[in-house]
Amino acid sequence: MVTLKVRKVGNSLGLVLPKEVIGRLRTAEGEEVFLVEGPNNTYRLTPFDPDFEKKMSKAEEIMTRYRNTLHVLSK
Protein backbone atom coordinates (compact mmCIF):
# COMPACT_ATOMS: atom_id res chain seq x y z
CA MET A 1 0.00 0.00 0.00
CA VAL A 2 1.21 3.47 -0.86
CA THR A 3 -0.09 6.54 0.96
CA LEU A 4 -0.73 9.60 -1.22
CA LYS A 5 -1.34 13.14 -0.08
CA VAL A 6 -3.88 15.42 -1.75
CA ARG A 7 -2.26 18.75 -2.67
CA LYS A 8 -3.46 21.99 -4.14
CA VAL A 9 -2.36 22.48 -7.77
CA GLY A 10 -3.52 25.87 -9.02
CA ASN A 11 -7.30 25.95 -8.50
CA SER A 12 -7.52 22.14 -8.41
CA LEU A 13 -6.45 19.28 -6.19
CA GLY A 14 -3.97 16.64 -7.26
CA LEU A 15 -2.03 13.59 -6.18
CA VAL A 16 1.69 13.10 -6.62
CA LEU A 17 2.61 9.52 -7.49
CA PRO A 18 5.92 8.22 -6.16
CA LYS A 19 8.56 7.05 -8.63
CA GLU A 20 7.96 3.37 -7.75
CA VAL A 21 4.24 3.68 -8.56
CA ILE A 22 5.01 5.37 -11.88
CA GLY A 23 7.37 2.50 -12.68
CA ARG A 24 4.80 -0.15 -11.81
CA LEU A 25 2.15 1.58 -13.92
CA ARG A 26 4.68 1.82 -16.77
CA THR A 27 3.62 5.37 -17.45
CA ALA A 28 5.40 8.72 -17.76
CA GLU A 29 4.76 12.43 -17.60
CA GLY A 30 2.02 13.55 -19.97
CA GLU A 31 0.47 10.10 -20.39
CA GLU A 32 -3.07 9.31 -19.29
CA VAL A 33 -4.04 7.04 -16.42
CA PHE A 34 -7.59 5.96 -15.61
CA LEU A 35 -9.29 5.85 -12.22
CA VAL A 36 -11.87 3.08 -12.48
CA GLU A 37 -14.66 2.86 -9.91
CA GLY A 38 -15.25 -0.63 -8.57
CA PRO A 39 -17.68 -2.28 -6.16
CA ASN A 40 -18.06 -1.16 -2.54
CA ASN A 41 -16.61 2.34 -3.06
CA THR A 42 -13.26 1.00 -4.31
CA TYR A 43 -11.12 2.52 -7.05
CA ARG A 44 -8.40 1.17 -9.32
CA LEU A 45 -5.72 3.26 -11.03
CA THR A 46 -4.67 1.83 -14.39
CA PRO A 47 -2.77 3.00 -17.48
CA PHE A 48 -5.19 1.04 -19.68
CA ASP A 49 -8.42 2.52 -21.00
CA PRO A 50 -11.17 0.03 -20.05
CA ASP A 51 -13.42 1.18 -22.92
CA PHE A 52 -10.62 0.62 -25.43
CA GLU A 53 -10.01 -2.86 -24.02
CA LYS A 54 -13.71 -3.72 -24.54
CA LYS A 55 -13.57 -2.49 -28.14
CA MET A 56 -10.38 -4.43 -28.87
CA SER A 57 -11.87 -7.57 -27.37
CA LYS A 58 -14.86 -7.25 -29.70
CA ALA A 59 -12.56 -6.57 -32.67
CA GLU A 60 -10.52 -9.68 -31.91
CA GLU A 61 -13.72 -11.72 -31.73
CA ILE A 62 -14.80 -10.43 -35.15
CA MET A 63 -11.35 -11.04 -36.65
CA THR A 64 -11.39 -14.61 -35.36
CA ARG A 65 -14.89 -15.26 -36.69
CA TYR A 66 -14.15 -13.80 -40.15
CA ARG A 67 -10.49 -14.87 -40.38
CA ASN A 68 -10.81 -16.45 -43.82
CA THR A 69 -12.77 -13.52 -45.25
CA LEU A 70 -10.24 -11.01 -43.92
CA HIS A 71 -7.39 -13.08 -45.33
CA VAL A 72 -8.96 -13.03 -48.82
CA LEU A 73 -9.63 -9.28 -48.57
CA SER A 74 -6.02 -8.57 -47.58
CA LYS A 75 -4.71 -9.86 -50.94
C-alpha atoms as a PDB file:
ATOM      1  CA  MET A   1       0.000   0.000   0.000  1.00  0.00           C
ATOM      2  CA  VAL A   2       1.213   3.475  -0.865  1.00  0.00           C
ATOM      3  CA  THR A   3      -0.087   6.540   0.964  1.00  0.00           C
ATOM      4  CA  LEU A   4      -0.727   9.597  -1.218  1.00  0.00           C
ATOM      5  CA  LYS A   5      -1.338  13.140  -0.078  1.00  0.00           C
ATOM      6  CA  VAL A   6      -3.876  15.420  -1.754  1.00  0.00           C
ATOM      7  CA  ARG A   7      -2.256  18.746  -2.665  1.00  0.00           C
ATOM      8  CA  LYS A   8      -3.455  21.992  -4.142  1.00  0.00           C
ATOM      9  CA  VAL A   9      -2.363  22.475  -7.770  1.00  0.00           C
ATOM     10  CA  GLY A  10      -3.523  25.874  -9.020  1.00  0.00           C
ATOM     11  CA  ASN A  11      -7.301  25.948  -8.501  1.00  0.00           C
ATOM     12  CA  SER A  12      -7.524  22.142  -8.413  1.00  0.00           C
ATOM     13  CA  LEU A  13      -6.446  19.283  -6.193  1.00  0.00           C
ATOM     14  CA  GLY A  14      -3.967  16.641  -7.262  1.00  0.00           C
ATOM     15  CA  LEU A  15      -2.032  13.594  -6.185  1.00  0.00           C
ATOM     16  CA  VAL A  16       1.694  13.105  -6.622  1.00  0.00           C
ATOM     17  CA  LEU A  17       2.609   9.520  -7.487  1.00  0.00           C
ATOM     18  CA  PRO A  18       5.924   8.217  -6.157  1.00  0.00           C
ATOM     19  CA  LYS A  19       8.557   7.046  -8.630  1.00  0.00           C
ATOM     20  CA  GLU A  20       7.962   3.370  -7.746  1.00  0.00           C
ATOM     21  CA  VAL A  21       4.238   3.682  -8.560  1.00  0.00           C
ATOM     22  CA  ILE A  22       5.013   5.372 -11.876  1.00  0.00           C
ATOM     23  CA  GLY A  23       7.374   2.498 -12.679  1.00  0.00           C
ATOM     24  CA  ARG A  24       4.800  -0.149 -11.810  1.00  0.00           C
ATOM     25  CA  LEU A  25       2.155   1.584 -13.916  1.00  0.00           C
ATOM     26  CA  ARG A  26       4.681   1.824 -16.772  1.00  0.00           C
ATOM     27  CA  THR A  27       3.620   5.371 -17.446  1.00  0.00           C
ATOM     28  CA  ALA A  28       5.397   8.715 -17.757  1.00  0.00           C
ATOM     29  CA  GLU A  29       4.760  12.428 -17.599  1.00  0.00           C
ATOM     30  CA  GLY A  30       2.021  13.551 -19.973  1.00  0.00           C
ATOM     31  CA  GLU A  31       0.467  10.104 -20.390  1.00  0.00           C
ATOM     32  CA  GLU A  32      -3.073   9.309 -19.288  1.00  0.00           C
ATOM     33  CA  VAL A  33      -4.038   7.038 -16.420  1.00  0.00           C
ATOM     34  CA  PHE A  34      -7.585   5.960 -15.615  1.00  0.00           C
ATOM     35  CA  LEU A  35      -9.287   5.849 -12.221  1.00  0.00           C
ATOM     36  CA  VAL A  36     -11.868   3.083 -12.478  1.00  0.00           C
ATOM     37  CA  GLU A  37     -14.665   2.856  -9.915  1.00  0.00           C
ATOM     38  CA  GLY A  38     -15.250  -0.630  -8.568  1.00  0.00           C
ATOM     39  CA  PRO A  39     -17.675  -2.282  -6.164  1.00  0.00           C
ATOM     40  CA  ASN A  40     -18.057  -1.157  -2.538  1.00  0.00           C
ATOM     41  CA  ASN A  41     -16.606   2.336  -3.065  1.00  0.00           C
ATOM     42  CA  THR A  42     -13.259   1.002  -4.315  1.00  0.00           C
ATOM     43  CA  TYR A  43     -11.120   2.519  -7.052  1.00  0.00           C
ATOM     44  CA  ARG A  44      -8.397   1.167  -9.324  1.00  0.00           C
ATOM     45  CA  LEU A  45      -5.721   3.259 -11.034  1.00  0.00           C
ATOM     46  CA  THR A  46      -4.670   1.828 -14.391  1.00  0.00           C
ATOM     47  CA  PRO A  47      -2.772   3.002 -17.475  1.00  0.00           C
ATOM     48  CA  PHE A  48      -5.194   1.035 -19.680  1.00  0.00           C
ATOM     49  CA  ASP A  49      -8.422   2.522 -21.003  1.00  0.00           C
ATOM     50  CA  PRO A  50     -11.168   0.034 -20.047  1.00  0.00           C
ATOM     51  CA  ASP A  51     -13.422   1.181 -22.920  1.00  0.00           C
ATOM     52  CA  PHE A  52     -10.621   0.622 -25.431  1.00  0.00           C
ATOM     53  CA  GLU A  53     -10.011  -2.859 -24.021  1.00  0.00           C
ATOM     54  CA  LYS A  54     -13.707  -3.721 -24.540  1.00  0.00           C
ATOM     55  CA  LYS A  55     -13.574  -2.490 -28.137  1.00  0.00           C
ATOM     56  CA  MET A  56     -10.379  -4.429 -28.873  1.00  0.00           C
ATOM     57  CA  SER A  57     -11.867  -7.568 -27.373  1.00  0.00           C
ATOM     58  CA  LYS A  58     -14.862  -7.246 -29.697  1.00  0.00           C
ATOM     59  CA  ALA A  59     -12.560  -6.567 -32.673  1.00  0.00           C
ATOM     60  CA  GLU A  60     -10.517  -9.681 -31.909  1.00  0.00           C
ATOM     61  CA  GLU A  61     -13.724 -11.722 -31.726  1.00  0.00           C
ATOM     62  CA  ILE A  62     -14.803 -10.429 -35.151  1.00  0.00           C
ATOM     63  CA  MET A  63     -11.349 -11.041 -36.650  1.00  0.00           C
ATOM     64  CA  THR A  64     -11.395 -14.610 -35.356  1.00  0.00           C
ATOM     65  CA  ARG A  65     -14.892 -15.256 -36.689  1.00  0.00           C
ATOM     66  CA  TYR A  66     -14.148 -13.803 -40.148  1.00  0.00           C
ATOM     67  CA  ARG A  67     -10.494 -14.865 -40.377  1.00  0.00           C
ATOM     68  CA  ASN A  68     -10.810 -16.453 -43.823  1.00  0.00           C
ATOM     69  CA  THR A  69     -12.767 -13.523 -45.253  1.00  0.00           C
ATOM     70  CA  LEU A  70     -10.245 -11.012 -43.918  1.00  0.00           C
ATOM     71  CA  HIS A  71      -7.395 -13.083 -45.328  1.00  0.00           C
ATOM     72  CA  VAL A  72      -8.956 -13.027 -48.819  1.00  0.00           C
ATOM     73  CA  LEU A  73      -9.628  -9.281 -48.573  1.00  0.00           C
ATOM     74  CA  SER A  74      -6.019  -8.571 -47.580  1.00  0.00           C
ATOM     75  CA  LYS A  75      -4.708  -9.860 -50.939  1.00  0.00           C
END
